[in-house]
Amino acid sequence: MPARSVSAIQVCGVRKSFRRRERDAGAPFWKIAAPKDKVALHELDLVVEPGGITGILGPNGSGKSTLIRIVGTLLTPDAGTARVFGWNVVTQALEVRRHVNRVSVEAAFFKELSPWENMVYAARLYGYTGVRSRVVEILESLGLPGDAIDQPMKQLSRGQQQKVAIARSFLTAPSLLLMDEPTTGLDPRSKKEVQTVLERLRAEREITVLLCTHDMDEAAALCERVLMMDGGRVLADGSPGELCREHGASTLEDVFMDLTGKTLEAEELEEAPT
């Protein structure tokens, strides 16, 4: 376990852009589009102390997933530095990975293997053996049927597969858990089961969770601290109660509306593929 005195996450002036080719409006289809930089993060500063759940809220394209990937060593920032428990995510990536696990909205599995086999494979990568009882305990706590543990992943529902992804992240006992839209696509009951397990995990041992979501109700229920992002910038930072009081709002959705002049649902529709 990293030293308590060191920040779990420290981001200083991090900037990230992606190059895209966009054809100008009215240009003929055969004309080659000029490359343009799409800025995902604008000189972001962030400190997260160990313990608790910090929510990163915002619509698709707000920069929250880019931030998660940088902290998880999956992306390299164009400028600035990011550290996890004092280790630089670029120059000390292996040290960072020993203390971090990640759950994304689209988790990767060996689809021909069962949840049990996928989790054993992951455990062995981290040096764990003899984990059958622990695997069963975690999967059952997430509400996965007992007879599904030995079925091929491809036969499980989308919600069941996501539960296995979350269980896999719990198995390795990370110090920092990065959760990128972990309950997206789950039915209300499954979502509540995942949230209950996350709350129990937080209560049982020392762990820091960074939760990216566009579900304002989920953030209000789980997070001690909330950062609202839009356009690659942090617009607000505080507890759900503090943000609601500051903006004279009854919900986090109303806070987002006050900050941006638009609803989160409208933003999601604008980002949806056509």
C-alpha atoms as a PDB file:
ATOM      1  CA  MET A   1       0.000   0.000   0.000  1.00  0.00           C
ATOM      2  CA  PRO A   2       1.448   3.427  -0.939  1.00  0.00           C
ATOM      3  CA  ALA A   3       2.225   5.915   1.792  1.00  0.00           C
ATOM      4  CA  ARG A   4      -0.846   7.725   3.116  1.00  0.00           C
ATOM      5  CA  SER A   5       0.887  11.131   2.944  1.00  0.00           C
ATOM      6  CA  VAL A   6       1.219  10.951  -0.858  1.00  0.00           C
ATOM      7  CA  SER A   7      -1.683  12.125  -3.018  1.00  0.00           C
ATOM      8  CA  ALA A   8      -3.456   9.333  -4.844  1.00  0.00           C
ATOM      9  CA  ILE A   9      -3.604  11.419  -8.023  1.00  0.00           C
ATOM     10  CA  GLN A  10      -1.751  14.625  -8.854  1.00  0.00           C
ATOM     11  CA  VAL A  11      -2.308  16.176 -12.277  1.00  0.00           C
ATOM     12  CA  CYS A  12      -0.464  19.372 -13.182  1.00  0.00           C
ATOM     13  CA  GLY A  13      -1.105  21.292 -16.402  1.00  0.00           C
ATOM     14  CA  VAL A  14      -2.065  18.208 -18.396  1.00  0.00           C
ATOM     15  CA  ARG A  15      -3.103  18.855 -21.977  1.00  0.00           C
ATOM     16  CA  LYS A  16      -4.169  16.274 -24.550  1.00  0.00           C
ATOM     17  CA  SER A  17      -5.221  16.714 -28.179  1.00  0.00           C
ATOM     18  CA  PHE A  18      -6.232  14.297 -30.904  1.00  0.00           C
ATOM     19  CA  ARG A  19      -5.685  14.952 -34.601  1.00  0.00           C
ATOM     20  CA  ARG A  20      -8.717  14.463 -36.812  1.00  0.00           C
ATOM     21  CA  ARG A  21      -9.525  15.106 -40.434  1.00  0.00           C
ATOM     22  CA  GLU A  22     -12.701  17.137 -40.884  1.00  0.00           C
ATOM     23  CA  ARG A  23     -14.051  18.178 -44.270  1.00  0.00           C
ATOM     24  CA  ASP A  24     -15.189  21.784 -44.458  1.00  0.00           C
ATOM     25  CA  ALA A  25     -18.919  22.301 -44.868  1.00  0.00           C
ATOM     26  CA  GLY A  26     -19.848  22.473 -48.545  1.00  0.00           C
ATOM     27  CA  ALA A  27     -16.556  20.948 -49.740  1.00  0.00           C
ATOM     28  CA  PRO A  28     -16.839  18.219 -52.422  1.00  0.00           C
ATOM     29  CA  PHE A  29     -16.654  14.653 -51.105  1.00  0.00           C
ATOM     30  CA  TRP A  30     -13.428  13.952 -52.967  1.00  0.00           C
ATOM     31  CA  LYS A  31     -11.499  16.824 -51.413  1.00  0.00           C
ATOM     32  CA  ILE A  32      -9.059  15.630 -48.742  1.00  0.00           C
ATOM     33  CA  ALA A  33      -9.980  17.000 -45.345  1.00  0.00           C
ATOM     34  CA  ALA A  34      -7.389  19.115 -43.578  1.00  0.00           C
ATOM     35  CA  PRO A  35      -6.143  17.742 -40.241  1.00  0.00           C
ATOM     36  CA  LYS A  36      -7.393  19.587 -37.180  1.00  0.00           C
ATOM     37  CA  ASP A  37      -6.522  19.184 -33.522  1.00  0.00           C
ATOM     38  CA  LYS A  38      -9.376  18.376 -31.162  1.00  0.00           C
ATOM     39  CA  VAL A  39      -8.387  19.376 -27.632  1.00  0.00           C
ATOM     40  CA  ALA A  40      -9.630  16.809 -25.114  1.00  0.00           C
ATOM     41  CA  LEU A  41      -8.028  18.342 -22.012  1.00  0.00           C
ATOM     42  CA  HIS A  42      -7.014  21.971 -21.484  1.00  0.00           C
ATOM     43  CA  GLU A  43      -4.104  22.361 -19.013  1.00  0.00           C
ATOM     44  CA  LEU A  44      -5.919  20.393 -16.316  1.00  0.00           C
ATOM     45  CA  ASP A  45      -4.907  20.581 -12.642  1.00  0.00           C
ATOM     46  CA  LEU A  46      -6.280  18.023 -10.188  1.00  0.00           C
ATOM     47  CA  VAL A  47      -5.361  16.537  -6.812  1.00  0.00           C
ATOM     48  CA  VAL A  48      -7.175  13.539  -5.315  1.00  0.00           C
ATOM     49  CA  GLU A  49      -6.216  12.472  -1.803  1.00  0.00           C
ATOM     50  CA  PRO A  50      -6.257   8.769  -0.806  1.00  0.00           C
ATOM     51  CA  GLY A  51      -9.587   7.244   0.123  1.00  0.00           C
ATOM     52  CA  GLY A  52     -13.169   7.817  -0.913  1.00  0.00           C
ATOM     53  CA  ILE A  53     -14.939   8.086  -4.243  1.00  0.00           C
ATOM     54  CA  THR A  54     -14.396  11.091  -6.498  1.00  0.00           C
ATOM     55  CA  GLY A  55     -16.835  11.480  -9.372  1.00  0.00           C
ATOM     56  CA  ILE A  56     -15.899  12.982 -12.732  1.00  0.00           C
ATOM     57  CA  LEU A  57     -19.160  14.052 -14.363  1.00  0.00           C
ATOM     58  CA  GLY A  58     -19.789  15.206 -17.890  1.00  0.00           C
ATOM     59  CA  PRO A  59     -21.205  14.268 -21.285  1.00  0.00           C
ATOM     60  CA  ASN A  60     -19.420  12.304 -23.984  1.00  0.00           C
ATOM     61  CA  GLY A  61     -16.521  14.366 -25.266  1.00  0.00           C
ATOM     62  CA  SER A  62     -16.055  16.285 -22.014  1.00  0.00           C
ATOM     63  CA  GLY A  63     -12.564  14.836 -21.442  1.00  0.00           C
ATOM     64  CA  LYS A  64     -13.369  12.585 -18.485  1.00  0.00           C
ATOM     65  CA  SER A  65     -12.429   9.324 -20.233  1.00  0.00           C
ATOM     66  CA  THR A  66      -9.235  10.898 -21.583  1.00  0.00           C
ATOM     67  CA  LEU A  67      -8.298  11.821 -18.020  1.00  0.00           C
ATOM     68  CA  ILE A  68      -8.959   8.260 -16.824  1.00  0.00           C
ATOM     69  CA  ARG A  69      -6.789   6.813 -19.594  1.00  0.00           C
ATOM     70  CA  ILE A  70      -3.904   9.159 -18.817  1.00  0.00           C
ATOM     71  CA  VAL A  71      -4.014   8.304 -15.109  1.00  0.00           C
ATOM     72  CA  GLY A  72      -4.198   4.608 -16.027  1.00  0.00           C
ATOM     73  CA  THR A  73      -1.082   4.905 -18.288  1.00  0.00           C
ATOM     74  CA  LEU A  74      -3.065   4.143 -21.463  1.00  0.00           C
ATOM     75  CA  LEU A  75      -2.495   7.602 -22.950  1.00  0.00           C
ATOM     76  CA  THR A  76       0.485   9.960 -22.797  1.00  0.00           C
ATOM     77  CA  PRO A  77      -0.240  13.649 -22.123  1.00  0.00           C
ATOM     78  CA  ASP A  78       0.986  16.176 -24.676  1.00  0.00           C
ATOM     79  CA  ALA A  79       2.025  18.522 -21.879  1.00  0.00           C
ATOM     80  CA  GLY A  80       2.079  18.570 -18.097  1.00  0.00           C
ATOM     81  CA  THR A  81       2.587  15.733 -15.643  1.00  0.00           C
ATOM     82  CA  ALA A  82       0.385  13.177 -13.919  1.00  0.00           C
ATOM     83  CA  ARG A  83       1.371  11.134 -10.880  1.00  0.00           C
ATOM     84  CA  VAL A  84      -0.295   8.247  -9.059  1.00  0.00           C
ATOM     85  CA  PHE A  85       0.854   7.805  -5.451  1.00  0.00           C
ATOM     86  CA  GLY A  86       3.923   9.824  -6.406  1.00  0.00           C
ATOM     87  CA  TRP A  87       4.863   7.799  -9.488  1.00  0.00           C
ATOM     88  CA  ASN A  88       4.950   9.476 -12.884  1.00  0.00           C
ATOM     89  CA  VAL A  89       2.454   7.830 -15.264  1.00  0.00           C
ATOM     90  CA  VAL A  90       4.857   8.162 -18.195  1.00  0.00           C
ATOM     91  CA  THR A  91       8.332   7.486 -16.818  1.00  0.00           C
ATOM     92  CA  GLN A  92       7.237   5.107 -14.009  1.00  0.00           C
ATOM     93  CA  ALA A  93       4.277   3.424 -15.699  1.00  0.00           C
ATOM     94  CA  LEU A  94       5.080  -0.063 -14.366  1.00  0.00           C
ATOM     95  CA  GLU A  95       4.996   1.170 -10.770  1.00  0.00           C
ATOM     96  CA  VAL A  96       1.680   2.925 -11.431  1.00  0.00           C
ATOM     97  CA  ARG A  97       0.122  -0.225 -12.917  1.00  0.00           C
ATOM     98  CA  ARG A  98       0.959  -2.254  -9.812  1.00  0.00           C
ATOM     99  CA  HIS A  99      -1.440  -0.109  -7.804  1.00  0.00           C
ATOM    100  CA  VAL A 100      -4.166   0.661 -10.345  1.00  0.00           C
ATOM    101  CA  ASN A 101      -6.991  -1.261 -11.934  1.00  0.00           C
ATOM    102  CA  ARG A 102      -9.557  -0.031 -14.414  1.00  0.00           C
ATOM    103  CA  VAL A 103     -13.131  -0.863 -15.379  1.00  0.00           C
ATOM    104  CA  SER A 104     -14.432   0.562 -18.642  1.00  0.00           C
ATOM    105  CA  VAL A 105     -17.794   0.547 -20.349  1.00  0.00           C
ATOM    106  CA  GLU A 106     -16.478  -1.961 -22.910  1.00  0.00           C
ATOM    107  CA  ALA A 107     -14.337  -4.471 -21.052  1.00  0.00           C
ATOM    108  CA  ALA A 108     -12.137  -6.918 -22.984  1.00  0.00           C
ATOM    109  CA  PHE A 109     -12.368 -10.655 -22.320  1.00  0.00           C
ATOM    110  CA  PHE A 110     -11.481 -14.005 -23.797  1.00  0.00           C
ATOM    111  CA  LYS A 111     -15.038 -14.646 -24.958  1.00  0.00           C
ATOM    112  CA  GLU A 112     -14.621 -18.421 -25.309  1.00  0.00           C
ATOM    113  CA  LEU A 113     -13.500 -18.695 -21.680  1.00  0.00           C
ATOM    114  CA  SER A 114     -15.744 -18.550 -18.629  1.00  0.00           C
ATOM    115  CA  PRO A 115     -15.829 -15.756 -16.013  1.00  0.00           C
ATOM    116  CA  TRP A 116     -13.891 -18.060 -13.699  1.00  0.00           C
ATOM    117  CA  GLU A 117     -11.168 -18.706 -16.299  1.00  0.00           C
ATOM    118  CA  ASN A 118     -10.914 -15.022 -17.239  1.00  0.00           C
ATOM    119  CA  MET A 119     -10.531 -14.025 -13.610  1.00  0.00           C
ATOM    120  CA  VAL A 120      -7.945 -16.717 -12.859  1.00  0.00           C
ATOM    121  CA  TYR A 121      -5.934 -15.523 -15.854  1.00  0.00           C
ATOM    122  CA  ALA A 122      -6.053 -11.937 -14.556  1.00  0.00           C
ATOM    123  CA  ALA A 123      -5.161 -13.036 -11.027  1.00  0.00           C
ATOM    124  CA  ARG A 124      -2.092 -14.943 -12.218  1.00  0.00           C
ATOM    125  CA  LEU A 125      -0.844 -11.856 -14.051  1.00  0.00           C
ATOM    126  CA  TYR A 126      -0.732 -10.198 -10.636  1.00  0.00           C
ATOM    127  CA  GLY A 127       0.807 -13.226  -8.916  1.00  0.00           C
ATOM    128  CA  TYR A 128      -2.367 -14.506  -7.219  1.00  0.00           C
ATOM    129  CA  THR A 129      -3.155 -18.232  -7.033  1.00  0.00           C
ATOM    130  CA  GLY A 130      -5.867 -20.356  -5.388  1.00  0.00           C
ATOM    131  CA  VAL A 131      -8.536 -17.711  -5.875  1.00  0.00           C
ATOM    132  CA  ARG A 132     -11.599 -19.852  -6.698  1.00  0.00           C
ATOM    133  CA  SER A 133     -13.436 -19.110  -3.438  1.00  0.00           C
ATOM    134  CA  ARG A 134     -12.666 -15.395  -3.719  1.00  0.00           C
ATOM    135  CA  VAL A 135     -13.879 -15.350  -7.338  1.00  0.00           C
ATOM    136  CA  VAL A 136     -17.157 -17.031  -6.393  1.00  0.00           C
ATOM    137  CA  GLU A 137     -17.639 -14.664  -3.439  1.00  0.00           C
ATOM    138  CA  ILE A 138     -17.157 -11.535  -5.555  1.00  0.00           C
ATOM    139  CA  LEU A 139     -19.330 -12.720  -8.440  1.00  0.00           C
ATOM    140  CA  GLU A 140     -22.140 -13.787  -6.126  1.00  0.00           C
ATOM    141  CA  SER A 141     -21.991 -10.457  -4.281  1.00  0.00           C
ATOM    142  CA  LEU A 142     -22.556  -8.760  -7.650  1.00  0.00           C
ATOM    143  CA  GLY A 143     -25.611 -10.904  -8.272  1.00  0.00           C
ATOM    144  CA  LEU A 144     -24.149 -13.116 -10.982  1.00  0.00           C
ATOM    145  CA  PRO A 145     -25.982 -16.489 -11.055  1.00  0.00           C
ATOM    146  CA  GLY A 146     -23.874 -19.376  -9.811  1.00  0.00           C
ATOM    147  CA  ASP A 147     -24.385 -21.386 -12.983  1.00  0.00           C
ATOM    148  CA  ALA A 148     -22.954 -18.519 -15.067  1.00  0.00           C
ATOM    149  CA  ILE A 149     -19.504 -18.699 -13.502  1.00  0.00           C
ATOM    150  CA  ASP A 150     -18.417 -21.611 -15.717  1.00  0.00           C
ATOM    151  CA  GLN A 151     -20.245 -20.601 -18.924  1.00  0.00           C
ATOM    152  CA  PRO A 152     -18.370 -19.007 -21.846  1.00  0.00           C
ATOM    153  CA  MET A 153     -18.400 -15.207 -21.640  1.00  0.00           C
ATOM    154  CA  LYS A 154     -20.042 -14.976 -25.054  1.00  0.00           C
ATOM    155  CA  GLN A 155     -23.167 -16.624 -23.600  1.00  0.00           C
ATOM    156  CA  LEU A 156     -23.602 -14.002 -20.869  1.00  0.00           C
ATOM    157  CA  SER A 157     -25.690 -10.873 -21.172  1.00  0.00           C
ATOM    158  CA  ARG A 158     -24.106  -7.439 -21.519  1.00  0.00           C
ATOM    159  CA  GLY A 159     -24.922  -6.702 -17.879  1.00  0.00           C
ATOM    160  CA  GLN A 160     -23.445  -9.980 -16.669  1.00  0.00           C
ATOM    161  CA  GLN A 161     -20.241  -9.361 -18.613  1.00  0.00           C
ATOM    162  CA  GLN A 162     -19.907  -5.941 -17.014  1.00  0.00           C
ATOM    163  CA  LYS A 163     -20.305  -7.485 -13.574  1.00  0.00           C
ATOM    164  CA  VAL A 164     -17.428  -9.854 -14.370  1.00  0.00           C
ATOM    165  CA  ALA A 165     -15.303  -6.858 -15.416  1.00  0.00           C
ATOM    166  CA  ILE A 166     -15.973  -5.153 -12.102  1.00  0.00           C
ATOM    167  CA  ALA A 167     -15.335  -8.375 -10.168  1.00  0.00           C
ATOM    168  CA  ARG A 168     -12.017  -8.785 -11.993  1.00  0.00           C
ATOM    169  CA  SER A 169     -10.916  -5.320 -10.876  1.00  0.00           C
ATOM    170  CA  PHE A 170     -11.828  -6.064  -7.246  1.00  0.00           C
ATOM    171  CA  LEU A 171      -9.918  -9.355  -7.297  1.00  0.00           C
ATOM    172  CA  THR A 172      -6.480  -7.753  -7.558  1.00  0.00           C
ATOM    173  CA  ALA A 173      -7.075  -5.403  -4.591  1.00  0.00           C
ATOM    174  CA  PRO A 174      -5.969  -2.160  -6.267  1.00  0.00           C
ATOM    175  CA  SER A 175      -5.087   0.964  -4.272  1.00  0.00           C
ATOM    176  CA  LEU A 176      -6.664   3.094  -7.016  1.00  0.00           C
ATOM    177  CA  LEU A 177      -9.709   1.906  -8.927  1.00  0.00           C
ATOM    178  CA  LEU A 178     -10.503   3.786 -12.167  1.00  0.00           C
ATOM    179  CA  MET A 179     -14.109   3.255 -13.218  1.00  0.00           C
ATOM    180  CA  ASP A 180     -15.073   4.631 -16.628  1.00  0.00           C
ATOM    181  CA  GLU A 181     -18.888   4.448 -17.014  1.00  0.00           C
ATOM    182  CA  PRO A 182     -18.944   1.092 -15.141  1.00  0.00           C
ATOM    183  CA  THR A 183     -22.736   0.786 -14.914  1.00  0.00           C
ATOM    184  CA  THR A 184     -23.640   1.980 -18.402  1.00  0.00           C
ATOM    185  CA  GLY A 185     -25.942  -0.539 -20.065  1.00  0.00           C
ATOM    186  CA  LEU A 186     -26.945  -2.249 -16.842  1.00  0.00           C
ATOM    187  CA  ASP A 187     -30.566  -2.620 -15.801  1.00  0.00           C
ATOM    188  CA  PRO A 188     -31.611  -0.742 -12.619  1.00  0.00           C
ATOM    189  CA  ARG A 189     -31.274  -3.810 -10.389  1.00  0.00           C
ATOM    190  CA  SER A 190     -27.797  -4.680 -11.695  1.00  0.00           C
ATOM    191  CA  LYS A 191     -26.716  -1.057 -11.377  1.00  0.00           C
ATOM    192  CA  LYS A 192     -27.827  -0.984  -7.743  1.00  0.00           C
ATOM    193  CA  GLU A 193     -25.966  -4.239  -7.014  1.00  0.00           C
ATOM    194  CA  VAL A 194     -22.762  -2.785  -8.464  1.00  0.00           C
ATOM    195  CA  GLN A 195     -23.166   0.413  -6.445  1.00  0.00           C
ATOM    196  CA  THR A 196     -23.754  -1.595  -3.254  1.00  0.00           C
ATOM    197  CA  VAL A 197     -20.590  -3.632  -3.789  1.00  0.00           C
ATOM    198  CA  LEU A 198     -18.608  -0.458  -4.438  1.00  0.00           C
ATOM    199  CA  GLU A 199     -19.859   1.101  -1.204  1.00  0.00           C
ATOM    200  CA  ARG A 200     -19.002  -2.075   0.724  1.00  0.00           C
ATOM    201  CA  LEU A 201     -15.529  -2.219  -0.800  1.00  0.00           C
ATOM    202  CA  ARG A 202     -14.894   1.360   0.243  1.00  0.00           C
ATOM    203  CA  ALA A 203     -16.045   0.598   3.801  1.00  0.00           C
ATOM    204  CA  GLU A 204     -14.002  -2.605   4.147  1.00  0.00           C
ATOM    205  CA  ARG A 205     -10.567  -1.325   3.213  1.00  0.00           C
ATOM    206  CA  GLU A 206      -8.458   1.596   2.066  1.00  0.00           C
ATOM    207  CA  ILE A 207      -9.126   2.290  -1.592  1.00  0.00           C
ATOM    208  CA  THR A 208      -9.390   5.366  -3.791  1.00  0.00           C
ATOM    209  CA  VAL A 209     -11.980   5.356  -6.551  1.00  0.00           C
ATOM    210  CA  LEU A 210     -12.177   7.721  -9.525  1.00  0.00           C
ATOM    211  CA  LEU A 211     -15.617   7.270 -11.051  1.00  0.00           C
ATOM    212  CA  CYS A 212     -16.392   8.708 -14.488  1.00  0.00           C
ATOM    213  CA  THR A 213     -20.094   8.859 -15.234  1.00  0.00           C
ATOM    214  CA  HIS A 214     -22.847  10.924 -16.813  1.00  0.00           C
ATOM    215  CA  ASP A 215     -25.360   9.486 -14.321  1.00  0.00           C
ATOM    216  CA  MET A 216     -25.907  12.391 -11.925  1.00  0.00           C
ATOM    217  CA  ASP A 217     -28.014  10.316  -9.523  1.00  0.00           C
ATOM    218  CA  GLU A 218     -25.274   7.703  -9.274  1.00  0.00           C
ATOM    219  CA  ALA A 219     -22.689  10.384  -8.527  1.00  0.00           C
ATOM    220  CA  ALA A 220     -24.880  12.004  -5.878  1.00  0.00           C
ATOM    221  CA  ALA A 221     -25.394   8.635  -4.153  1.00  0.00           C
ATOM    222  CA  LEU A 222     -21.782   7.411  -4.226  1.00  0.00           C
ATOM    223  CA  CYS A 223     -19.360  10.332  -4.387  1.00  0.00           C
ATOM    224  CA  GLU A 224     -18.000  12.494  -1.576  1.00  0.00           C
ATOM    225  CA  ARG A 225     -16.513  14.821  -4.179  1.00  0.00           C
ATOM    226  CA  VAL A 226     -17.694  15.696  -7.668  1.00  0.00           C
ATOM    227  CA  LEU A 227     -15.911  17.413 -10.539  1.00  0.00           C
ATOM    228  CA  MET A 228     -18.051  18.558 -13.453  1.00  0.00           C
ATOM    229  CA  MET A 229     -16.302  18.671 -16.822  1.00  0.00           C
ATOM    230  CA  ASP A 230     -17.264  20.020 -20.212  1.00  0.00           C
ATOM    231  CA  GLY A 231     -15.090  20.763 -23.220  1.00  0.00           C
ATOM    232  CA  GLY A 232     -11.947  19.448 -21.539  1.00  0.00           C
ATOM    233  CA  ARG A 233     -12.188  21.787 -18.535  1.00  0.00           C
ATOM    234  CA  VAL A 234     -13.320  21.431 -14.934  1.00  0.00           C
ATOM    235  CA  LEU A 235     -16.315  23.718 -14.384  1.00  0.00           C
ATOM    236  CA  ALA A 236     -17.081  22.860 -10.752  1.00  0.00           C
ATOM    237  CA  ASP A 237     -15.488  20.980  -7.856  1.00  0.00           C
ATOM    238  CA  GLY A 238     -17.091  20.112  -4.523  1.00  0.00           C
ATOM    239  CA  SER A 239     -19.353  17.719  -2.690  1.00  0.00           C
ATOM    240  CA  PRO A 240     -22.800  17.113  -4.226  1.00  0.00           C
ATOM    241  CA  GLY A 241     -24.394  19.096  -1.391  1.00  0.00           C
ATOM    242  CA  GLU A 242     -21.954  21.999  -1.722  1.00  0.00           C
ATOM    243  CA  LEU A 243     -22.481  22.272  -5.478  1.00  0.00           C
ATOM    244  CA  CYS A 244     -26.264  22.211  -5.136  1.00  0.00           C
ATOM    245  CA  ARG A 245     -26.201  24.914  -2.437  1.00  0.00           C
ATOM    246  CA  GLU A 246     -23.740  27.066  -4.381  1.00  0.00           C
ATOM    247  CA  HIS A 247     -25.934  27.038  -7.480  1.00  0.00           C
ATOM    248  CA  GLY A 248     -29.285  27.070  -5.721  1.00  0.00           C
ATOM    249  CA  ALA A 249     -30.100  23.701  -7.281  1.00  0.00           C
ATOM    250  CA  SER A 250     -31.923  20.635  -6.040  1.00  0.00           C
ATOM    251  CA  THR A 251     -29.978  18.133  -8.174  1.00  0.00           C
ATOM    252  CA  LEU A 252     -26.586  17.812  -9.844  1.00  0.00           C
ATOM    253  CA  GLU A 253     -28.395  17.868 -13.187  1.00  0.00           C
ATOM    254  CA  ASP A 254     -29.636  21.349 -12.298  1.00  0.00           C
ATOM    255  CA  VAL A 255     -26.090  22.386 -11.373  1.00  0.00           C
ATOM    256  CA  PHE A 256     -24.836  21.249 -14.785  1.00  0.00           C
ATOM    257  CA  MET A 257     -27.658  23.191 -16.430  1.00  0.00           C
ATOM    258  CA  ASP A 258     -26.718  26.316 -14.468  1.00  0.00           C
ATOM    259  CA  LEU A 259     -23.051  25.977 -15.466  1.00  0.00           C
ATOM    260  CA  THR A 260     -23.510  25.208 -19.153  1.00  0.00           C
ATOM    261  CA  GLY A 261     -27.014  26.325 -20.073  1.00  0.00           C
ATOM    262  CA  LYS A 262     -27.834  22.858 -21.345  1.00  0.00           C
ATOM    263  CA  THR A 263     -28.974  19.533 -19.990  1.00  0.00           C
ATOM    264  CA  LEU A 264     -26.726  16.519 -19.896  1.00  0.00           C
ATOM    265  CA  GLU A 265     -29.290  14.525 -21.888  1.00  0.00           C
ATOM    266  CA  ALA A 266     -29.134  17.080 -24.710  1.00  0.00           C
ATOM    267  CA  GLU A 267     -25.352  16.846 -24.739  1.00  0.00           C
ATOM    268  CA  GLU A 268     -25.506  13.057 -24.968  1.00  0.00           C
ATOM    269  CA  LEU A 269     -27.863  13.258 -27.932  1.00  0.00           C
ATOM    270  CA  GLU A 270     -25.518  15.654 -29.726  1.00  0.00           C
ATOM    271  CA  GLU A 271     -22.650  13.188 -29.258  1.00  0.00           C
ATOM    272  CA  ALA A 272     -24.649  10.151 -30.373  1.00  0.00           C
ATOM    273  CA  PRO A 273     -23.582   8.674 -33.742  1.00  0.00           C
ATOM    274  CA  THR A 274     -25.941   9.144 -36.650  1.00  0.00           C
END
